[in-house]
């Protein structure tokens, strides 16, 4: 599923891992990291909003018996060449 939106927020990707874990993925893209890292844009407030939105997703889909995890994927486009893609599995726990 992509771009789950509700009154509490938005989640870029929701998926199930092979071990049945529900994975909520936040994707951040930046042209470059001249002034700050992409990772620094994931603030405590953003994490809390993601958590609330994930809880709403689980409740509306009646999922209560599966582990969950929050991942972050960052993409830095850079001036030329291939983008840098970083995946942080289980990036934070609330």
C-alpha atoms as a PDB file:
ATOM      1  CA  UNK A   1       0.000   0.000   0.000  1.00  0.00           C
ATOM      2  CA  UNK A   2       1.271   3.486  -0.678  1.00  0.00           C
ATOM      3  CA  UNK A   3       0.549   6.868   0.753  1.00  0.00           C
ATOM      4  CA  UNK A   4      -1.860   5.911   3.517  1.00  0.00           C
ATOM      5  CA  UNK A   5      -3.513   9.144   4.607  1.00  0.00           C
ATOM      6  CA  UNK A   6      -5.955   9.913   7.358  1.00  0.00           C
ATOM      7  CA  UNK A   7      -6.841  12.730   9.718  1.00  0.00           C
ATOM      8  CA  UNK A   8      -3.797  12.035  11.893  1.00  0.00           C
ATOM      9  CA  UNK A   9      -1.182  12.071   9.121  1.00  0.00           C
ATOM     10  CA  UNK A  10       0.352  10.187   6.231  1.00  0.00           C
ATOM     11  CA  UNK A  11       2.610   7.166   5.793  1.00  0.00           C
ATOM     12  CA  UNK A  12       4.525   6.794   2.544  1.00  0.00           C
ATOM     13  CA  UNK A  13       4.603   2.981   2.402  1.00  0.00           C
ATOM     14  CA  UNK A  14       2.929   0.274   4.471  1.00  0.00           C
ATOM     15  CA  UNK A  15       4.002  -3.293   3.793  1.00  0.00           C
ATOM     16  CA  UNK A  16       4.289  -6.729   5.350  1.00  0.00           C
ATOM     17  CA  UNK A  17       7.732  -8.287   5.800  1.00  0.00           C
ATOM     18  CA  UNK A  18       8.170 -12.029   5.190  1.00  0.00           C
ATOM     19  CA  UNK A  19       7.991 -12.637   8.963  1.00  0.00           C
ATOM     20  CA  UNK A  20       4.504 -10.946   9.011  1.00  0.00           C
ATOM     21  CA  UNK A  21       5.845  -7.752  10.610  1.00  0.00           C
ATOM     22  CA  UNK A  22       3.901  -4.688   9.488  1.00  0.00           C
ATOM     23  CA  UNK A  23       6.463  -2.148   8.252  1.00  0.00           C
ATOM     24  CA  UNK A  24       5.720   1.570   8.091  1.00  0.00           C
ATOM     25  CA  UNK A  25       8.196   3.383   5.856  1.00  0.00           C
ATOM     26  CA  UNK A  26       8.909   7.113   5.778  1.00  0.00           C
ATOM     27  CA  UNK A  27      10.658   8.207   2.573  1.00  0.00           C
ATOM     28  CA  UNK A  28      12.606  11.478   2.485  1.00  0.00           C
ATOM     29  CA  UNK A  29      14.153  12.920  -0.677  1.00  0.00           C
ATOM     30  CA  UNK A  30      16.487  15.900  -0.898  1.00  0.00           C
ATOM     31  CA  UNK A  31      18.404  17.486  -3.744  1.00  0.00           C
ATOM     32  CA  UNK A  32      21.527  17.601  -1.600  1.00  0.00           C
ATOM     33  CA  UNK A  33      22.724  17.677   1.989  1.00  0.00           C
ATOM     34  CA  UNK A  34      24.557  20.994   1.856  1.00  0.00           C
ATOM     35  CA  UNK A  35      22.905  22.454   4.941  1.00  0.00           C
ATOM     36  CA  UNK A  36      21.788  19.360   6.859  1.00  0.00           C
ATOM     37  CA  UNK A  37      21.398  15.621   6.513  1.00  0.00           C
ATOM     38  CA  UNK A  38      18.176  14.144   5.252  1.00  0.00           C
ATOM     39  CA  UNK A  39      17.930  12.110   8.447  1.00  0.00           C
ATOM     40  CA  UNK A  40      17.773  15.287  10.541  1.00  0.00           C
ATOM     41  CA  UNK A  41      14.406  16.089   8.953  1.00  0.00           C
ATOM     42  CA  UNK A  42      12.830  13.213  10.905  1.00  0.00           C
ATOM     43  CA  UNK A  43      12.062  15.115  14.090  1.00  0.00           C
ATOM     44  CA  UNK A  44      10.530  13.827  17.304  1.00  0.00           C
ATOM     45  CA  UNK A  45       7.242  15.456  16.265  1.00  0.00           C
ATOM     46  CA  UNK A  46       7.336  13.645  12.904  1.00  0.00           C
ATOM     47  CA  UNK A  47       8.033  10.326  14.640  1.00  0.00           C
ATOM     48  CA  UNK A  48       5.081  10.881  16.980  1.00  0.00           C
ATOM     49  CA  UNK A  49       2.807  11.729  14.032  1.00  0.00           C
ATOM     50  CA  UNK A  50       3.943   8.581  12.190  1.00  0.00           C
ATOM     51  CA  UNK A  51       3.234   6.505  15.283  1.00  0.00           C
ATOM     52  CA  UNK A  52      -0.284   7.967  15.662  1.00  0.00           C
ATOM     53  CA  UNK A  53      -1.004   7.360  11.987  1.00  0.00           C
ATOM     54  CA  UNK A  54       0.294   3.796  12.222  1.00  0.00           C
ATOM     55  CA  UNK A  55      -1.948   3.132  15.228  1.00  0.00           C
ATOM     56  CA  UNK A  56      -4.916   4.453  13.245  1.00  0.00           C
ATOM     57  CA  UNK A  57      -3.984   2.228  10.279  1.00  0.00           C
ATOM     58  CA  UNK A  58      -3.781  -0.831  12.544  1.00  0.00           C
ATOM     59  CA  UNK A  59      -7.116  -0.028  14.175  1.00  0.00           C
ATOM     60  CA  UNK A  60      -8.972   0.577  10.899  1.00  0.00           C
ATOM     61  CA  UNK A  61      -7.586  -2.634   9.402  1.00  0.00           C
ATOM     62  CA  UNK A  62      -8.243  -4.577  12.621  1.00  0.00           C
ATOM     63  CA  UNK A  63      -4.623  -5.643  12.981  1.00  0.00           C
ATOM     64  CA  UNK A  64      -3.612  -6.257  16.575  1.00  0.00           C
ATOM     65  CA  UNK A  65      -1.620  -9.459  16.606  1.00  0.00           C
ATOM     66  CA  UNK A  66       1.413  -8.627  14.483  1.00  0.00           C
ATOM     67  CA  UNK A  67       4.736  -6.993  15.272  1.00  0.00           C
ATOM     68  CA  UNK A  68       5.420  -3.614  13.737  1.00  0.00           C
ATOM     69  CA  UNK A  69       8.447  -1.642  12.719  1.00  0.00           C
ATOM     70  CA  UNK A  70       9.284   1.852  11.484  1.00  0.00           C
ATOM     71  CA  UNK A  71      11.831   2.176   8.678  1.00  0.00           C
ATOM     72  CA  UNK A  72      13.263   5.281   7.036  1.00  0.00           C
ATOM     73  CA  UNK A  73      14.486   5.478   3.440  1.00  0.00           C
ATOM     74  CA  UNK A  74      16.454   8.558   2.426  1.00  0.00           C
ATOM     75  CA  UNK A  75      17.260   9.583  -1.121  1.00  0.00           C
ATOM     76  CA  UNK A  76      19.835  12.266  -1.907  1.00  0.00           C
ATOM     77  CA  UNK A  77      19.750  13.215  -5.571  1.00  0.00           C
ATOM     78  CA  UNK A  78      23.028  15.153  -5.701  1.00  0.00           C
ATOM     79  CA  UNK A  79      24.187  17.366  -8.560  1.00  0.00           C
ATOM     80  CA  UNK A  80      24.709  14.492 -11.002  1.00  0.00           C
ATOM     81  CA  UNK A  81      25.137  10.773 -11.139  1.00  0.00           C
ATOM     82  CA  UNK A  82      23.294   8.129  -9.210  1.00  0.00           C
ATOM     83  CA  UNK A  83      21.230   9.088  -6.177  1.00  0.00           C
ATOM     84  CA  UNK A  84      22.364   7.929  -2.747  1.00  0.00           C
ATOM     85  CA  UNK A  85      19.720   5.705  -1.188  1.00  0.00           C
ATOM     86  CA  UNK A  86      19.956   4.717   2.464  1.00  0.00           C
ATOM     87  CA  UNK A  87      17.581   2.348   4.263  1.00  0.00           C
ATOM     88  CA  UNK A  88      17.356   2.384   8.048  1.00  0.00           C
ATOM     89  CA  UNK A  89      15.512  -0.715   9.210  1.00  0.00           C
ATOM     90  CA  UNK A  90      13.777  -0.359  12.574  1.00  0.00           C
ATOM     91  CA  UNK A  91      14.928   3.268  12.609  1.00  0.00           C
ATOM     92  CA  UNK A  92      13.041   4.235  15.738  1.00  0.00           C
ATOM     93  CA  UNK A  93      10.832   2.817  18.453  1.00  0.00           C
ATOM     94  CA  UNK A  94       8.168   4.722  20.320  1.00  0.00           C
END
